[in-house]
Amino acid sequence: MWQQGWFIQVELFGGRHSAINAVTAQDTSFARRDSLFTIQFYASSPGNKPPYPDAGFTFLDGERH
């Protein structure tokens, strides 16, 4: 059995009046300036060593839905 390490990170951007949004999306390569938050999924292989197991991708794909 694959023993994964994983976590979910939610970053609050602050919405319409945030300093992040003070610069327009056209001025930089950061196109998500109008987002309120982002959600990122992280997972690691056992012992944080390669190769990353195929079961890990199945796990992460399941978390998206």
PDB file of N, CA and C in Angstrom:
ATOM      1  N   MET A   1       0.842  -1.196   0.000  1.00  0.00           N
ATOM      2  CA  MET A   1       0.000   0.000   0.000  1.00  0.00           C
ATOM      3  C   MET A   1       0.878   1.248   0.000  1.00  0.00           C
ATOM      4  N   TRP A   2       0.467   2.221  -0.762  1.00  0.00           N
ATOM      5  CA  TRP A   2       1.213   3.475  -0.843  1.00  0.00           C
ATOM      6  C   TRP A   2       0.875   4.342   0.362  1.00  0.00           C
ATOM      7  N   GLN A   3       1.901   4.788   1.063  1.00  0.00           N
ATOM      8  CA  GLN A   3       1.699   5.676   2.214  1.00  0.00           C
ATOM      9  C   GLN A   3       2.152   7.067   1.819  1.00  0.00           C
ATOM     10  N   GLN A   4       1.204   7.863   1.462  1.00  0.00           N
ATOM     11  CA  GLN A   4       1.495   9.194   0.962  1.00  0.00           C
ATOM     12  C   GLN A   4       1.521  10.227   2.077  1.00  0.00           C
ATOM     13  N   GLY A   5       2.297  11.261   1.836  1.00  0.00           N
ATOM     14  CA  GLY A   5       2.182  12.461   2.636  1.00  0.00           C
ATOM     15  C   GLY A   5       1.450  13.484   1.778  1.00  0.00           C
ATOM     16  N   TRP A   6       0.482  14.176   2.318  1.00  0.00           N
ATOM     17  CA  TRP A   6      -0.248  15.144   1.502  1.00  0.00           C
ATOM     18  C   TRP A   6      -0.835  16.243   2.369  1.00  0.00           C
ATOM     19  N   PHE A   7      -1.110  17.376   1.724  1.00  0.00           N
ATOM     20  CA  PHE A   7      -1.836  18.458   2.377  1.00  0.00           C
ATOM     21  C   PHE A   7      -2.451  19.349   1.312  1.00  0.00           C
ATOM     22  N   ILE A   8      -3.393  20.146   1.741  1.00  0.00           N
ATOM     23  CA  ILE A   8      -4.065  21.113   0.869  1.00  0.00           C
ATOM     24  C   ILE A   8      -3.759  22.499   1.412  1.00  0.00           C
ATOM     25  N   GLN A   9      -3.392  23.404   0.524  1.00  0.00           N
ATOM     26  CA  GLN A   9      -3.062  24.772   0.922  1.00  0.00           C
ATOM     27  C   GLN A   9      -4.061  25.733   0.279  1.00  0.00           C
ATOM     28  N   VAL A  10      -4.678  26.556   1.090  1.00  0.00           N
ATOM     29  CA  VAL A  10      -5.602  27.583   0.599  1.00  0.00           C
ATOM     30  C   VAL A  10      -4.950  28.933   0.854  1.00  0.00           C
ATOM     31  N   GLU A  11      -4.790  29.721  -0.201  1.00  0.00           N
ATOM     32  CA  GLU A  11      -4.193  31.046  -0.071  1.00  0.00           C
ATOM     33  C   GLU A  11      -5.250  32.105  -0.369  1.00  0.00           C
ATOM     34  N   LEU A  12      -5.471  32.982   0.560  1.00  0.00           N
ATOM     35  CA  LEU A  12      -6.420  34.066   0.396  1.00  0.00           C
ATOM     36  C   LEU A  12      -5.737  35.226  -0.311  1.00  0.00           C
ATOM     37  N   PHE A  13      -6.294  35.652  -1.426  1.00  0.00           N
ATOM     38  CA  PHE A  13      -5.740  36.773  -2.169  1.00  0.00           C
ATOM     39  C   PHE A  13      -6.345  38.097  -1.728  1.00  0.00           C
ATOM     40  N   GLY A  14      -7.498  38.077  -1.129  1.00  0.00           N
ATOM     41  CA  GLY A  14      -8.061  39.297  -0.582  1.00  0.00           C
ATOM     42  C   GLY A  14      -9.159  39.943  -1.390  1.00  0.00           C
ATOM     43  N   GLY A  15      -9.402  39.485  -2.593  1.00  0.00           N
ATOM     44  CA  GLY A  15     -10.517  40.027  -3.353  1.00  0.00           C
ATOM     45  C   GLY A  15     -10.250  41.373  -3.990  1.00  0.00           C
ATOM     46  N   ARG A  16     -11.311  42.082  -4.238  1.00  0.00           N
ATOM     47  CA  ARG A  16     -11.281  43.304  -5.044  1.00  0.00           C
ATOM     48  C   ARG A  16     -10.369  44.398  -4.498  1.00  0.00           C
ATOM     49  N   HIS A  17     -10.264  44.570  -3.201  1.00  0.00           N
ATOM     50  CA  HIS A  17      -9.479  45.668  -2.635  1.00  0.00           C
ATOM     51  C   HIS A  17      -8.095  45.230  -2.153  1.00  0.00           C
ATOM     52  N   SER A  18      -7.668  44.051  -2.534  1.00  0.00           N
ATOM     53  CA  SER A  18      -6.373  43.522  -2.124  1.00  0.00           C
ATOM     54  C   SER A  18      -5.235  44.225  -2.857  1.00  0.00           C
ATOM     55  N   ALA A  19      -4.085  44.336  -2.195  1.00  0.00           N
ATOM     56  CA  ALA A  19      -2.894  44.909  -2.836  1.00  0.00           C
ATOM     57  C   ALA A  19      -2.439  44.050  -4.017  1.00  0.00           C
ATOM     58  N   ILE A  20      -2.720  42.747  -3.962  1.00  0.00           N
ATOM     59  CA  ILE A  20      -2.387  41.866  -5.086  1.00  0.00           C
ATOM     60  C   ILE A  20      -3.103  42.325  -6.343  1.00  0.00           C
ATOM     61  N   ASN A  21      -4.314  42.803  -6.165  1.00  0.00           N
ATOM     62  CA  ASN A  21      -5.119  43.223  -7.318  1.00  0.00           C
ATOM     63  C   ASN A  21      -4.886  44.676  -7.725  1.00  0.00           C
ATOM     64  N   ALA A  22      -3.978  45.367  -7.048  1.00  0.00           N
ATOM     65  CA  ALA A  22      -3.688  46.761  -7.407  1.00  0.00           C
ATOM     66  C   ALA A  22      -3.003  46.856  -8.769  1.00  0.00           C
ATOM     67  N   VAL A  23      -2.353  45.767  -9.188  1.00  0.00           N
ATOM     68  CA  VAL A  23      -1.710  45.698 -10.502  1.00  0.00           C
ATOM     69  C   VAL A  23      -2.636  44.901 -11.411  1.00  0.00           C
ATOM     70  N   THR A  24      -2.819  45.333 -12.621  1.00  0.00           N
ATOM     71  CA  THR A  24      -3.727  44.624 -13.529  1.00  0.00           C
ATOM     72  C   THR A  24      -3.079  43.351 -14.049  1.00  0.00           C
ATOM     73  N   ALA A  25      -3.902  42.417 -14.465  1.00  0.00           N
ATOM     74  CA  ALA A  25      -3.417  41.145 -14.999  1.00  0.00           C
ATOM     75  C   ALA A  25      -2.595  41.353 -16.268  1.00  0.00           C
ATOM     76  N   GLN A  26      -2.849  42.414 -16.998  1.00  0.00           N
ATOM     77  CA  GLN A  26      -2.108  42.685 -18.230  1.00  0.00           C
ATOM     78  C   GLN A  26      -0.698  43.218 -17.963  1.00  0.00           C
ATOM     79  N   ASP A  27      -0.439  43.694 -16.753  1.00  0.00           N
ATOM     80  CA  ASP A  27       0.865  44.286 -16.436  1.00  0.00           C
ATOM     81  C   ASP A  27       1.931  43.261 -16.050  1.00  0.00           C
ATOM     82  N   THR A  28       1.537  42.056 -15.689  1.00  0.00           N
ATOM     83  CA  THR A  28       2.497  41.024 -15.283  1.00  0.00           C
ATOM     84  C   THR A  28       2.039  39.671 -15.815  1.00  0.00           C
ATOM     85  N   SER A  29       2.831  38.648 -15.572  1.00  0.00           N
ATOM     86  CA  SER A  29       2.470  37.300 -16.008  1.00  0.00           C
ATOM     87  C   SER A  29       1.554  36.590 -15.006  1.00  0.00           C
ATOM     88  N   PHE A  30       1.222  37.248 -13.905  1.00  0.00           N
ATOM     89  CA  PHE A  30       0.342  36.664 -12.888  1.00  0.00           C
ATOM     90  C   PHE A  30      -1.104  36.957 -13.259  1.00  0.00           C
ATOM     91  N   ALA A  31      -1.729  36.001 -13.928  1.00  0.00           N
ATOM     92  CA  ALA A  31      -3.054  36.251 -14.514  1.00  0.00           C
ATOM     93  C   ALA A  31      -4.218  36.058 -13.556  1.00  0.00           C
ATOM     94  N   ARG A  32      -3.986  35.524 -12.381  1.00  0.00           N
ATOM     95  CA  ARG A  32      -5.081  35.218 -11.458  1.00  0.00           C
ATOM     96  C   ARG A  32      -5.279  36.310 -10.403  1.00  0.00           C
ATOM     97  N   ARG A  33      -4.947  37.508 -10.713  1.00  0.00           N
ATOM     98  CA  ARG A  33      -5.035  38.607  -9.739  1.00  0.00           C
ATOM     99  C   ARG A  33      -6.455  38.897  -9.268  1.00  0.00           C
ATOM    100  N   ASP A  34      -7.436  38.542 -10.057  1.00  0.00           N
ATOM    101  CA  ASP A  34      -8.816  38.833  -9.669  1.00  0.00           C
ATOM    102  C   ASP A  34      -9.455  37.713  -8.838  1.00  0.00           C
ATOM    103  N   SER A  35      -8.695  36.670  -8.530  1.00  0.00           N
ATOM    104  CA  SER A  35      -9.213  35.554  -7.734  1.00  0.00           C
ATOM    105  C   SER A  35      -9.283  35.929  -6.261  1.00  0.00           C
ATOM    106  N   LEU A  36     -10.253  35.396  -5.572  1.00  0.00           N
ATOM    107  CA  LEU A  36     -10.358  35.602  -4.134  1.00  0.00           C
ATOM    108  C   LEU A  36      -9.377  34.695  -3.388  1.00  0.00           C
ATOM    109  N   PHE A  37      -9.195  33.466  -3.882  1.00  0.00           N
ATOM    110  CA  PHE A  37      -8.250  32.534  -3.255  1.00  0.00           C
ATOM    111  C   PHE A  37      -7.826  31.478  -4.267  1.00  0.00           C
ATOM    112  N   THR A  38      -6.773  30.733  -3.926  1.00  0.00           N
ATOM    113  CA  THR A  38      -6.354  29.577  -4.710  1.00  0.00           C
ATOM    114  C   THR A  38      -6.310  28.366  -3.779  1.00  0.00           C
ATOM    115  N   ILE A  39      -6.442  27.206  -4.363  1.00  0.00           N
ATOM    116  CA  ILE A  39      -6.323  25.954  -3.628  1.00  0.00           C
ATOM    117  C   ILE A  39      -5.264  25.119  -4.344  1.00  0.00           C
ATOM    118  N   GLN A  40      -4.282  24.649  -3.574  1.00  0.00           N
ATOM    119  CA  GLN A  40      -3.224  23.827  -4.136  1.00  0.00           C
ATOM    120  C   GLN A  40      -3.160  22.506  -3.382  1.00  0.00           C
ATOM    121  N   PHE A  41      -2.987  21.432  -4.122  1.00  0.00           N
ATOM    122  CA  PHE A  41      -2.855  20.104  -3.543  1.00  0.00           C
ATOM    123  C   PHE A  41      -1.393  19.682  -3.620  1.00  0.00           C
ATOM    124  N   TYR A  42      -0.868  19.176  -2.529  1.00  0.00           N
ATOM    125  CA  TYR A  42       0.512  18.697  -2.478  1.00  0.00           C
ATOM    126  C   TYR A  42       0.511  17.248  -2.006  1.00  0.00           C
ATOM    127  N   ALA A  43       1.363  16.439  -2.607  1.00  0.00           N
ATOM    128  CA  ALA A  43       1.538  15.056  -2.168  1.00  0.00           C
ATOM    129  C   ALA A  43       2.997  14.682  -2.373  1.00  0.00           C
ATOM    130  N   SER A  44       3.489  13.763  -1.552  1.00  0.00           N
ATOM    131  CA  SER A  44       4.879  13.358  -1.660  1.00  0.00           C
ATOM    132  C   SER A  44       4.990  11.845  -1.709  1.00  0.00           C
ATOM    133  N   SER A  45       6.084  11.387  -2.265  1.00  0.00           N
ATOM    134  CA  SER A  45       6.363   9.955  -2.305  1.00  0.00           C
ATOM    135  C   SER A  45       6.880   9.516  -0.938  1.00  0.00           C
ATOM    136  N   PRO A  46       6.834   8.228  -0.658  1.00  0.00           N
ATOM    137  CA  PRO A  46       7.339   7.741   0.625  1.00  0.00           C
ATOM    138  C   PRO A  46       8.795   8.173   0.844  1.00  0.00           C
ATOM    139  N   GLY A  47       9.053   8.804   1.963  1.00  0.00           N
ATOM    140  CA  GLY A  47      10.393   9.288   2.259  1.00  0.00           C
ATOM    141  C   GLY A  47      10.819  10.465   1.406  1.00  0.00           C
ATOM    142  N   ASN A  48       9.901  11.047   0.663  1.00  0.00           N
ATOM    143  CA  ASN A  48      10.190  12.160  -0.259  1.00  0.00           C
ATOM    144  C   ASN A  48      11.271  11.805  -1.270  1.00  0.00           C
ATOM    145  N   LYS A  49      11.280  10.550  -1.707  1.00  0.00           N
ATOM    146  CA  LYS A  49      12.291  10.082  -2.659  1.00  0.00           C
ATOM    147  C   LYS A  49      11.619   9.616  -3.938  1.00  0.00           C
ATOM    148  N   PRO A  50      12.280   9.846  -5.072  1.00  0.00           N
ATOM    149  CA  PRO A  50      11.727   9.358  -6.331  1.00  0.00           C
ATOM    150  C   PRO A  50      11.820   7.840  -6.408  1.00  0.00           C
ATOM    151  N   PRO A  51      11.077   7.220  -7.274  1.00  0.00           N
ATOM    152  CA  PRO A  51      10.103   7.842  -8.174  1.00  0.00           C
ATOM    153  C   PRO A  51       8.776   8.084  -7.467  1.00  0.00           C
ATOM    154  N   TYR A  52       8.040   9.053  -7.968  1.00  0.00           N
ATOM    155  CA  TYR A  52       6.704   9.317  -7.428  1.00  0.00           C
ATOM    156  C   TYR A  52       5.794   8.180  -7.887  1.00  0.00           C
ATOM    157  N   PRO A  53       5.078   7.532  -6.968  1.00  0.00           N
ATOM    158  CA  PRO A  53       4.271   6.355  -7.336  1.00  0.00           C
ATOM    159  C   PRO A  53       3.047   6.708  -8.175  1.00  0.00           C
ATOM    160  N   ASP A  54       2.717   5.838  -9.105  1.00  0.00           N
ATOM    161  CA  ASP A  54       1.535   6.038  -9.950  1.00  0.00           C
ATOM    162  C   ASP A  54       0.272   6.204  -9.116  1.00  0.00           C
ATOM    163  N   ALA A  55       0.184   5.520  -7.979  1.00  0.00           N
ATOM    164  CA  ALA A  55      -1.000   5.638  -7.120  1.00  0.00           C
ATOM    165  C   ALA A  55      -1.165   7.058  -6.596  1.00  0.00           C
ATOM    166  N   GLY A  56      -0.082   7.800  -6.512  1.00  0.00           N
ATOM    167  CA  GLY A  56      -0.161   9.184  -6.053  1.00  0.00           C
ATOM    168  C   GLY A  56      -0.936  10.063  -7.012  1.00  0.00           C
ATOM    169  N   PHE A  57      -0.776   9.836  -8.302  1.00  0.00           N
ATOM    170  CA  PHE A  57      -1.518  10.619  -9.290  1.00  0.00           C
ATOM    171  C   PHE A  57      -3.008  10.299  -9.213  1.00  0.00           C
ATOM    172  N   THR A  58      -3.341   9.036  -8.995  1.00  0.00           N
ATOM    173  CA  THR A  58      -4.745   8.655  -8.838  1.00  0.00           C
ATOM    174  C   THR A  58      -5.338   9.338  -7.620  1.00  0.00           C
ATOM    175  N   PHE A  59      -4.584   9.384  -6.543  1.00  0.00           N
ATOM    176  CA  PHE A  59      -5.034  10.045  -5.310  1.00  0.00           C
ATOM    177  C   PHE A  59      -5.309  11.531  -5.566  1.00  0.00           C
ATOM    178  N   LEU A  60      -4.356  12.221  -6.197  1.00  0.00           N
ATOM    179  CA  LEU A  60      -4.535  13.652  -6.456  1.00  0.00           C
ATOM    180  C   LEU A  60      -5.674  13.920  -7.431  1.00  0.00           C
ATOM    181  N   ASP A  61      -5.788  13.099  -8.475  1.00  0.00           N
ATOM    182  CA  ASP A  61      -6.901  13.264  -9.417  1.00  0.00           C
ATOM    183  C   ASP A  61      -8.238  13.129  -8.708  1.00  0.00           C
ATOM    184  N   GLY A  62      -8.329  12.235  -7.737  1.00  0.00           N
ATOM    185  CA  GLY A  62      -9.567  12.055  -6.975  1.00  0.00           C
ATOM    186  C   GLY A  62      -9.899  13.255  -6.107  1.00  0.00           C
ATOM    187  N   GLU A  63      -8.886  13.986  -5.635  1.00  0.00           N
ATOM    188  CA  GLU A  63      -9.109  15.150  -4.783  1.00  0.00           C
ATOM    189  C   GLU A  63      -9.665  16.336  -5.568  1.00  0.00           C
ATOM    190  N   ARG A  64      -9.481  16.350  -6.866  1.00  0.00           N
ATOM    191  CA  ARG A  64      -9.987  17.463  -7.680  1.00  0.00           C
ATOM    192  C   ARG A  64     -11.496  17.433  -7.817  1.00  0.00           C
ATOM    193  N   HIS A  65     -12.111  16.299  -7.629  1.00  0.00           N
ATOM    194  CA  HIS A  65     -13.535  16.145  -7.939  1.00  0.00           C
ATOM    195  C   HIS A  65     -14.391  16.166  -6.730  1.00  0.00           C
TER     196      HIS A  65
END
